[in-house]
Amino acid sequence: MKTISPILPRFPLANTFSIVARDPQTGCLGVAVQSHWFSVGATVAWAEAEVGAVATQALGEVSYGPLGLALMKAGKPAAEALHALLSTDDRRELRQVAMVDAQGRVATHTGTHCMADAGQEVGESFSVQANMMATPEVWPAMAAAYRQAQGDFAGRLVSALEAGQAAGGDIRGQQSAAILIVAGTSTGRPWVDTLMELRVEDHPSPIQELKRLVQIHRAYQLMNLGDEYLGKEETEKALEAYAGAARLAPEMGEIPFWHAVTLADMGRLEEALPIFKELFTANPNWARLLQRLPPAGMMHADQQTIQRILGLNG
């Protein structure tokens, strides 16, 4: 019978590559990760607004995430927080950990027993780290890609993952990926401070799927912005936001539906009708949903307008 060594237990082996970073423009903190391991984001990625971000991997000790954040929240810089955890861990040489605090100070540790190829590279307010890689080019490629990437913080984090995969990635292949971004300033409400938390639990191309989800997330952020503008009666700004969301994720029927509803409620029916027509052609259930909006107080157009819209569902 096969036995498992008590010195090197089989689980959890979050052999992977990741990036932790603080965005110098916004102060946001984030982690992005990929692994040939199911649901890697649930164990590796940790972050708290105005505190820090942590990636804990290799022979992963999940407690490094919440305990590392707690130490940084208590005022310890990343290096002191990491040292405190490593100093009481008799399996520290099996760990790979990276932390960045709210001031952008970075601390990393790659244990001597992490599986090759393993290593890390630290840059300004970020660190990339990897273990069990196909080549030792993975983490330098990630660092270079992050430094050179343009666009928003999420896009730059994903660019680092793409570069790591292009350089060889996990020697076992791909399975899951995740991204976690929190605000630079805390409101004391984690559900508000968490700006993006997306996971691809099991997929043949998890980084590309994560990239797709990030794009959809951007679209829904614009939808939410449009709703905020609408609540302030800034209707033109609301419509611009809705239209922008539809351009980002044209395959998401939900987005143009609410855009069209808003147009109809504003008396701009001629602009709304082509959108409704396209939606009803693709899925007649949008017409059924439309009928339920007025009784719920979610649409204020008169009955004549509603009937004209529903007449498109032929």
Protein backbone atom coordinates (compact mmCIF):
# COMPACT_ATOMS: atom_id res chain seq x y z
CA MET A 1 0.00 0.00 0.00
CA LYS A 2 1.26 3.47 -0.92
CA THR A 3 1.91 5.71 2.06
CA ILE A 4 2.20 9.46 2.23
CA SER A 5 5.13 10.96 4.09
CA PRO A 6 4.16 12.82 7.26
CA ILE A 7 6.97 15.30 6.46
CA LEU A 8 5.64 16.20 3.00
CA PRO A 9 1.87 15.77 2.98
CA ARG A 10 0.20 15.59 -0.37
CA PHE A 11 -2.32 18.36 0.17
CA PRO A 12 -2.69 21.25 -0.36
CA LEU A 13 -0.09 21.52 -3.17
CA ALA A 14 -0.95 24.91 -4.66
CA ASN A 15 2.00 24.75 -7.06
CA THR A 16 1.36 27.76 -9.18
CA PHE A 17 2.39 31.19 -10.42
CA SER A 18 0.98 34.44 -9.09
CA ILE A 19 1.40 38.17 -8.74
CA VAL A 20 0.69 40.44 -5.78
CA ALA A 21 0.71 44.18 -6.36
CA ARG A 22 -0.32 47.65 -5.25
CA ASP A 23 -1.49 49.93 -8.04
CA PRO A 24 0.43 53.22 -7.64
CA GLN A 25 -2.30 55.19 -9.41
CA THR A 26 -5.25 54.09 -7.29
CA GLY A 27 -3.75 52.42 -4.23
CA CYS A 28 -5.76 49.30 -5.06
CA LEU A 29 -4.27 45.99 -3.92
CA GLY A 30 -4.55 42.79 -5.89
CA VAL A 31 -3.60 39.18 -6.47
CA ALA A 32 -3.84 37.14 -9.66
CA VAL A 33 -3.00 33.45 -9.86
CA GLN A 34 -3.06 30.38 -12.11
CA SER A 35 -2.46 26.72 -11.31
CA HIS A 36 -3.03 23.16 -12.39
CA TRP A 37 -5.04 22.75 -9.21
CA PHE A 38 -8.77 22.97 -8.65
CA SER A 39 -10.14 26.28 -7.30
CA VAL A 40 -6.74 27.86 -6.70
CA GLY A 41 -8.19 31.26 -5.83
CA ALA A 42 -9.89 29.92 -2.72
CA THR A 43 -6.55 29.21 -1.02
CA VAL A 44 -3.88 31.39 -2.62
CA ALA A 45 -5.35 34.90 -3.00
CA TRP A 46 -6.00 37.21 -0.02
CA ALA A 47 -6.41 40.99 0.16
CA GLU A 48 -7.96 43.69 2.34
CA ALA A 49 -8.46 47.34 1.46
CA GLU A 50 -5.92 49.73 2.98
CA VAL A 51 -4.08 46.73 4.48
CA GLY A 52 -2.34 44.51 1.94
CA ALA A 53 -2.43 41.50 -0.34
CA VAL A 54 -1.03 38.00 0.12
CA ALA A 55 -0.34 35.00 -2.11
CA THR A 56 0.36 31.76 -0.26
CA GLN A 57 1.34 28.77 -2.39
CA ALA A 58 3.69 25.80 -3.00
CA LEU A 59 2.93 23.57 0.00
CA GLY A 60 0.31 26.17 0.75
CA GLU A 61 -0.50 27.16 4.31
CA VAL A 62 -3.81 28.97 3.96
CA SER A 63 -3.47 30.73 7.32
CA TYR A 64 -0.68 32.90 5.90
CA GLY A 65 -3.44 34.79 4.11
CA PRO A 66 -5.69 35.93 6.97
CA LEU A 67 -2.87 36.02 9.55
CA GLY A 68 -0.64 38.03 7.24
CA LEU A 69 -3.42 40.55 6.67
CA ALA A 70 -4.12 40.74 10.40
CA LEU A 71 -0.46 41.52 11.15
CA MET A 72 -0.31 44.20 8.45
CA LYS A 73 -3.59 45.66 9.70
CA ALA A 74 -2.00 45.89 13.15
CA GLY A 75 0.72 48.08 11.66
CA LYS A 76 3.50 45.68 10.72
CA PRO A 77 5.08 46.23 7.30
CA ALA A 78 4.96 43.32 4.89
CA ALA A 79 8.48 42.11 5.73
CA GLU A 80 7.80 41.97 9.47
CA ALA A 81 4.47 40.25 8.96
CA LEU A 82 6.00 37.58 6.75
CA HIS A 83 8.96 37.06 9.08
CA ALA A 84 6.63 36.61 12.05
CA LEU A 85 4.73 33.84 10.28
CA LEU A 86 7.80 32.08 8.91
CA SER A 87 9.57 32.12 12.28
CA THR A 88 6.96 29.82 13.83
CA ASP A 89 6.50 27.53 10.80
CA ASP A 90 8.62 24.37 10.84
CA ARG A 91 7.70 23.77 7.18
CA ARG A 92 8.76 27.20 6.00
CA GLU A 93 11.15 25.72 3.42
CA LEU A 94 8.15 24.16 1.66
CA ARG A 95 6.28 27.48 1.42
CA GLN A 96 6.22 30.19 -1.18
CA VAL A 97 4.62 33.42 0.03
CA ALA A 98 4.45 37.00 -1.18
CA MET A 99 2.98 40.04 0.57
CA VAL A 100 2.52 43.67 -0.34
CA ASP A 101 1.27 46.20 2.20
CA ALA A 102 -0.79 49.35 1.71
CA GLN A 103 2.38 51.43 1.32
CA GLY A 104 3.61 49.20 -1.51
CA ARG A 105 6.32 47.49 0.54
CA VAL A 106 6.91 43.93 -0.66
CA ALA A 107 8.14 40.79 1.09
CA THR A 108 8.65 37.35 -0.44
CA HIS A 109 9.81 33.90 0.55
CA THR A 110 10.58 30.89 -1.63
CA GLY A 111 11.56 27.94 0.52
CA THR A 112 14.57 25.86 -0.42
CA HIS A 113 12.36 22.79 -0.82
CA CYS A 114 9.88 24.37 -3.22
CA MET A 115 9.66 22.25 -6.33
CA ALA A 116 11.71 23.36 -9.31
CA ASP A 117 11.57 25.44 -11.26
CA ALA A 118 10.80 27.93 -8.52
CA GLY A 119 11.62 31.55 -7.85
CA GLN A 120 10.38 35.10 -7.55
CA GLU A 121 11.11 38.61 -8.77
CA VAL A 122 10.31 41.77 -6.84
CA GLY A 123 9.58 45.09 -8.51
CA GLU A 124 8.21 48.43 -7.42
CA SER A 125 5.09 47.64 -5.33
CA PHE A 126 4.74 44.14 -6.78
CA SER A 127 6.11 40.62 -6.68
CA VAL A 128 5.75 37.66 -9.02
CA GLN A 129 6.42 34.13 -7.79
CA ALA A 130 6.18 30.62 -9.19
CA ASN A 131 6.96 27.03 -8.37
CA MET A 132 6.77 23.70 -10.23
CA MET A 133 7.21 25.59 -13.49
CA ALA A 134 8.14 24.16 -16.86
CA THR A 135 10.97 26.71 -17.23
CA PRO A 136 12.80 29.26 -15.05
CA GLU A 137 11.72 31.98 -17.49
CA VAL A 138 8.18 32.12 -16.08
CA TRP A 139 8.57 34.67 -13.29
CA PRO A 140 10.95 37.02 -15.17
CA ALA A 141 8.47 37.05 -18.06
CA MET A 142 5.65 37.87 -15.65
CA ALA A 143 7.59 40.76 -14.12
CA ALA A 144 8.49 42.20 -17.51
CA ALA A 145 4.91 41.95 -18.73
CA TYR A 146 3.49 43.66 -15.66
CA ARG A 147 5.99 46.52 -15.92
CA GLN A 148 5.21 47.05 -19.61
CA ALA A 149 1.44 46.50 -19.53
CA GLN A 150 -0.98 49.33 -20.26
CA GLY A 151 -4.57 49.74 -19.16
CA ASP A 152 -6.32 49.25 -15.85
CA PHE A 153 -4.96 47.36 -12.84
CA ALA A 154 -6.92 44.17 -13.56
CA GLY A 155 -5.68 44.08 -17.12
CA ARG A 156 -2.08 44.46 -16.04
CA LEU A 157 -2.40 41.64 -13.49
CA VAL A 158 -3.87 39.33 -16.14
CA SER A 159 -1.08 40.32 -18.55
CA ALA A 160 1.41 38.97 -16.02
CA LEU A 161 -0.42 35.63 -15.94
CA GLU A 162 -0.55 35.47 -19.73
CA ALA A 163 3.19 36.06 -19.92
CA GLY A 164 3.88 33.38 -17.34
CA GLN A 165 1.86 30.86 -19.30
CA ALA A 166 3.52 31.86 -22.58
CA ALA A 167 6.93 31.27 -20.95
CA GLY A 168 5.97 27.68 -20.04
CA GLY A 169 3.68 27.94 -17.06
CA ASP A 170 2.94 25.13 -14.64
CA ILE A 171 4.73 21.97 -15.79
CA ARG A 172 1.46 20.03 -15.29
CA GLY A 173 -0.62 22.37 -17.44
CA GLN A 174 -3.58 24.61 -16.63
CA GLN A 175 -6.75 24.21 -14.58
CA SER A 176 -7.85 27.22 -12.53
CA ALA A 177 -7.20 30.93 -12.18
CA ALA A 178 -8.40 33.83 -10.07
CA ILE A 179 -8.13 37.57 -9.54
CA LEU A 180 -8.87 39.57 -6.39
CA ILE A 181 -8.72 43.38 -6.23
CA VAL A 182 -9.64 45.57 -3.27
CA ALA A 183 -9.90 49.35 -2.97
CA GLY A 184 -7.03 51.54 -1.88
CA THR A 185 -9.13 53.13 0.85
CA SER A 186 -11.23 51.13 3.27
CA THR A 187 -14.86 51.94 3.98
CA GLY A 188 -14.98 49.34 6.75
CA ARG A 189 -17.35 47.33 4.56
CA PRO A 190 -15.48 44.49 2.83
CA TRP A 191 -18.39 43.85 0.47
CA VAL A 192 -17.95 47.40 -0.85
CA ASP A 193 -14.16 47.43 -0.76
CA THR A 194 -13.83 44.26 -2.83
CA LEU A 195 -13.80 45.70 -6.34
CA MET A 196 -13.23 42.47 -8.25
CA GLU A 197 -13.23 38.83 -7.18
CA LEU A 198 -13.38 36.40 -10.06
CA ARG A 199 -12.53 32.70 -10.11
CA VAL A 200 -12.22 30.12 -12.84
CA GLU A 201 -12.39 26.90 -10.89
CA ASP A 202 -11.82 24.34 -13.66
CA HIS A 203 -11.18 25.17 -17.32
CA PRO A 204 -8.82 24.03 -20.10
CA SER A 205 -7.72 27.66 -20.67
CA PRO A 206 -8.33 29.35 -17.32
CA ILE A 207 -6.33 32.52 -17.95
CA GLN A 208 -8.20 33.29 -21.16
CA GLU A 209 -11.47 32.54 -19.41
CA LEU A 210 -10.44 34.84 -16.55
CA LYS A 211 -9.61 37.55 -19.08
CA ARG A 212 -13.10 37.17 -20.57
CA LEU A 213 -14.70 37.46 -17.13
CA VAL A 214 -12.69 40.59 -16.36
CA GLN A 215 -14.11 42.17 -19.53
CA ILE A 216 -17.66 41.26 -18.52
CA HIS A 217 -16.99 42.63 -15.05
CA ARG A 218 -15.95 45.95 -16.59
CA ALA A 219 -19.22 45.99 -18.54
CA TYR A 220 -21.31 45.44 -15.44
CA GLN A 221 -19.35 48.11 -13.60
CA LEU A 222 -20.46 50.52 -16.32
CA MET A 223 -24.03 49.29 -15.91
CA ASN A 224 -23.84 50.05 -12.20
CA LEU A 225 -22.37 53.47 -12.98
CA GLY A 226 -25.28 54.08 -15.35
CA ASP A 227 -27.72 53.22 -12.58
CA GLU A 228 -25.97 55.70 -10.28
CA TYR A 229 -26.27 58.43 -12.90
CA LEU A 230 -29.91 57.56 -13.41
CA GLY A 231 -30.55 57.91 -9.70
CA LYS A 232 -29.05 61.39 -9.88
CA GLU A 233 -31.24 62.16 -12.93
CA GLU A 234 -28.13 62.54 -15.09
CA THR A 235 -29.79 60.64 -17.90
CA GLU A 236 -27.37 61.36 -20.72
CA LYS A 237 -24.44 60.13 -18.64
CA ALA A 238 -26.47 57.07 -17.71
CA LEU A 239 -27.17 56.25 -21.34
CA GLU A 240 -23.51 56.73 -22.24
CA ALA A 241 -22.54 54.26 -19.51
CA TYR A 242 -25.13 51.71 -20.65
CA ALA A 243 -24.01 52.02 -24.26
CA GLY A 244 -20.39 51.57 -23.21
CA ALA A 245 -21.30 48.45 -21.26
CA ALA A 246 -23.04 47.00 -24.31
CA ARG A 247 -19.94 47.62 -26.42
CA LEU A 248 -17.75 45.81 -23.90
CA ALA A 249 -19.99 42.74 -23.67
CA PRO A 250 -22.32 42.63 -26.69
CA GLU A 251 -23.12 38.98 -26.04
CA MET A 252 -24.78 39.78 -22.71
CA GLY A 253 -28.47 40.39 -23.43
CA GLU A 254 -29.04 41.71 -19.94
CA ILE A 255 -27.07 44.87 -20.70
CA PRO A 256 -28.90 46.11 -23.83
CA PHE A 257 -32.24 45.09 -22.28
CA TRP A 258 -31.93 47.58 -19.43
CA HIS A 259 -30.47 50.15 -21.78
CA ALA A 260 -33.58 49.85 -23.96
CA VAL A 261 -35.91 49.97 -20.94
CA THR A 262 -34.27 53.21 -19.83
CA LEU A 263 -34.63 54.72 -23.30
CA ALA A 264 -38.32 53.78 -23.42
CA ASP A 265 -38.96 55.26 -20.00
CA MET A 266 -37.33 58.48 -21.15
CA GLY A 267 -39.68 58.75 -24.11
CA ARG A 268 -36.95 57.83 -26.61
CA LEU A 269 -38.86 54.86 -27.95
CA GLU A 270 -37.54 55.04 -31.50
CA GLU A 271 -34.03 54.49 -30.18
CA ALA A 272 -35.20 51.63 -27.95
CA LEU A 273 -37.20 49.68 -30.52
CA PRO A 274 -34.26 48.31 -32.58
CA ILE A 275 -32.59 47.11 -29.39
CA PHE A 276 -35.77 45.35 -28.22
CA LYS A 277 -36.24 43.82 -31.67
CA GLU A 278 -32.79 42.28 -31.63
CA LEU A 279 -33.26 40.99 -28.10
CA PHE A 280 -36.68 39.43 -28.78
CA THR A 281 -35.36 37.73 -31.91
CA ALA A 282 -32.51 36.16 -29.97
CA ASN A 283 -34.63 35.20 -26.94
CA PRO A 284 -38.42 35.74 -26.71
CA ASN A 285 -38.23 35.53 -22.92
CA TRP A 286 -37.04 39.13 -22.86
CA ALA A 287 -40.52 40.11 -24.07
CA ARG A 288 -42.09 38.05 -21.28
CA LEU A 289 -39.84 39.76 -18.75
CA LEU A 290 -40.76 43.17 -20.10
CA GLN A 291 -44.42 42.58 -19.22
CA ARG A 292 -43.46 41.98 -15.58
CA LEU A 293 -41.59 45.24 -15.13
CA PRO A 294 -44.48 47.77 -14.80
CA PRO A 295 -46.29 45.85 -12.02
CA ALA A 296 -43.00 45.67 -10.13
CA GLY A 297 -42.40 49.40 -10.52
CA MET A 298 -39.30 48.83 -12.66
CA MET A 299 -40.67 50.45 -15.81
CA HIS A 300 -42.86 53.53 -16.07
CA ALA A 301 -43.77 53.69 -19.75
CA ASP A 302 -47.51 53.84 -20.50
CA GLN A 303 -49.46 50.82 -21.72
CA GLN A 304 -49.48 52.02 -25.30
CA THR A 305 -45.69 52.13 -25.33
CA ILE A 306 -45.47 48.68 -23.76
CA GLN A 307 -47.78 47.23 -26.37
CA ARG A 308 -45.81 48.78 -29.19
CA ILE A 309 -42.64 47.21 -27.85
CA LEU A 310 -44.30 43.82 -27.38
CA GLY A 311 -45.56 44.00 -30.96
CA LEU A 312 -41.95 43.45 -32.04
CA ASN A 313 -42.11 39.93 -30.61
CA GLY A 314 -43.65 38.40 -33.67
